Amino acid sequence: MDMAITLDNNLFREAEREAEQLDVSIPEFCSLAVKEFIKNRKKSELTKQINDFYSQFKTEIDADILQAQYDMLAEEEW
């Protein structure tokens, strides 16, 4: 399917430079950019769903464990 889009001049020049570096045409570059955008949105949505799920559970660190970790750090030579 063909589609026309409008880019401002600065964005178009940047896209041209990136497309040239990738050795692809501008339409191919735009297609890659849209695919990457969609992939990143899906990842963001998945991360949000995971965070929402785990936010239901208590995640506090036990005070004794926290103190033991702190004590071990104090012994390390920096």
Protein backbone atom coordinates (compact mmCIF):
# COMPACT_ATOMS: atom_id res chain seq x y z
CA MET A 1 0.00 0.00 0.00
CA ASP A 2 1.31 3.44 -0.84
CA MET A 3 0.88 6.41 1.43
CA ALA A 4 2.01 10.04 1.30
CA ILE A 5 3.33 11.72 4.43
CA THR A 6 4.57 15.22 5.12
CA LEU A 7 7.79 15.83 7.04
CA ASP A 8 9.26 19.20 7.90
CA ASN A 9 12.48 20.00 6.05
CA ASN A 10 14.83 19.37 8.98
CA LEU A 11 13.31 15.97 9.75
CA PHE A 12 13.39 15.01 6.07
CA ARG A 13 17.09 15.93 5.77
CA GLU A 14 17.84 13.91 8.90
CA ALA A 15 15.90 10.96 7.48
CA GLU A 16 17.83 11.26 4.22
CA ARG A 17 21.16 11.11 6.08
CA GLU A 18 20.06 8.10 8.14
CA ALA A 19 18.68 6.32 5.07
CA GLU A 20 21.95 6.92 3.25
CA GLN A 21 23.95 5.47 6.16
CA LEU A 22 21.70 2.40 6.16
CA ASP A 23 21.90 2.20 2.37
CA VAL A 24 18.10 2.18 1.96
CA SER A 25 15.66 4.40 0.11
CA ILE A 26 13.63 7.04 1.92
CA PRO A 27 10.40 4.94 1.62
CA GLU A 28 12.25 1.91 3.01
CA PHE A 29 13.66 4.03 5.82
CA CYS A 30 10.21 5.39 6.70
CA SER A 31 8.82 1.86 6.72
CA LEU A 32 11.63 0.75 9.05
CA ALA A 33 11.00 3.75 11.29
CA VAL A 34 7.29 2.97 11.61
CA LYS A 35 8.04 -0.71 12.37
CA GLU A 36 10.53 0.32 15.06
CA PHE A 37 8.04 2.78 16.54
CA ILE A 38 5.35 0.10 16.76
CA LYS A 39 7.80 -2.41 18.26
CA ASN A 40 8.84 0.11 20.94
CA ARG A 41 5.23 0.94 21.76
CA LYS A 42 4.46 -2.76 22.21
CA LYS A 43 7.48 -3.13 24.50
CA SER A 44 6.36 -0.11 26.52
CA GLU A 45 2.86 -1.51 26.85
CA LEU A 46 4.21 -4.89 27.94
CA THR A 47 6.46 -3.23 30.52
CA LYS A 48 3.48 -1.26 31.82
CA GLN A 49 1.41 -4.44 32.12
CA ILE A 50 4.23 -6.22 33.99
CA ASN A 51 4.70 -3.25 36.32
CA ASP A 52 0.95 -3.06 36.96
CA PHE A 53 0.87 -6.77 37.78
CA TYR A 54 3.82 -6.69 40.18
CA SER A 55 2.66 -3.49 41.86
CA GLN A 56 -0.06 -5.59 43.51
CA PHE A 57 2.51 -7.39 45.65
CA LYS A 58 4.49 -6.27 48.67
CA THR A 59 8.02 -5.51 47.55
CA GLU A 60 9.65 -4.18 50.70
CA ILE A 61 13.03 -5.63 51.61
CA ASP A 62 13.20 -7.25 55.03
CA ALA A 63 15.04 -4.95 57.47
CA ASP A 64 17.45 -7.72 58.55
CA ILE A 65 18.42 -8.48 54.95
CA LEU A 66 18.87 -4.80 54.24
CA GLN A 67 21.12 -4.42 57.30
CA ALA A 68 23.18 -7.48 56.31
CA GLN A 69 23.72 -6.02 52.84
CA TYR A 70 24.70 -2.68 54.31
CA ASP A 71 27.15 -4.37 56.70
CA MET A 72 28.77 -6.24 53.81
CA LEU A 73 29.18 -3.00 51.85
CA ALA A 74 30.86 -1.33 54.81
CA GLU A 75 33.51 -4.09 54.79
CA GLU A 76 34.37 -3.60 51.09
CA GLU A 77 37.47 -1.65 50.25
CA TRP A 78 36.72 1.11 47.76
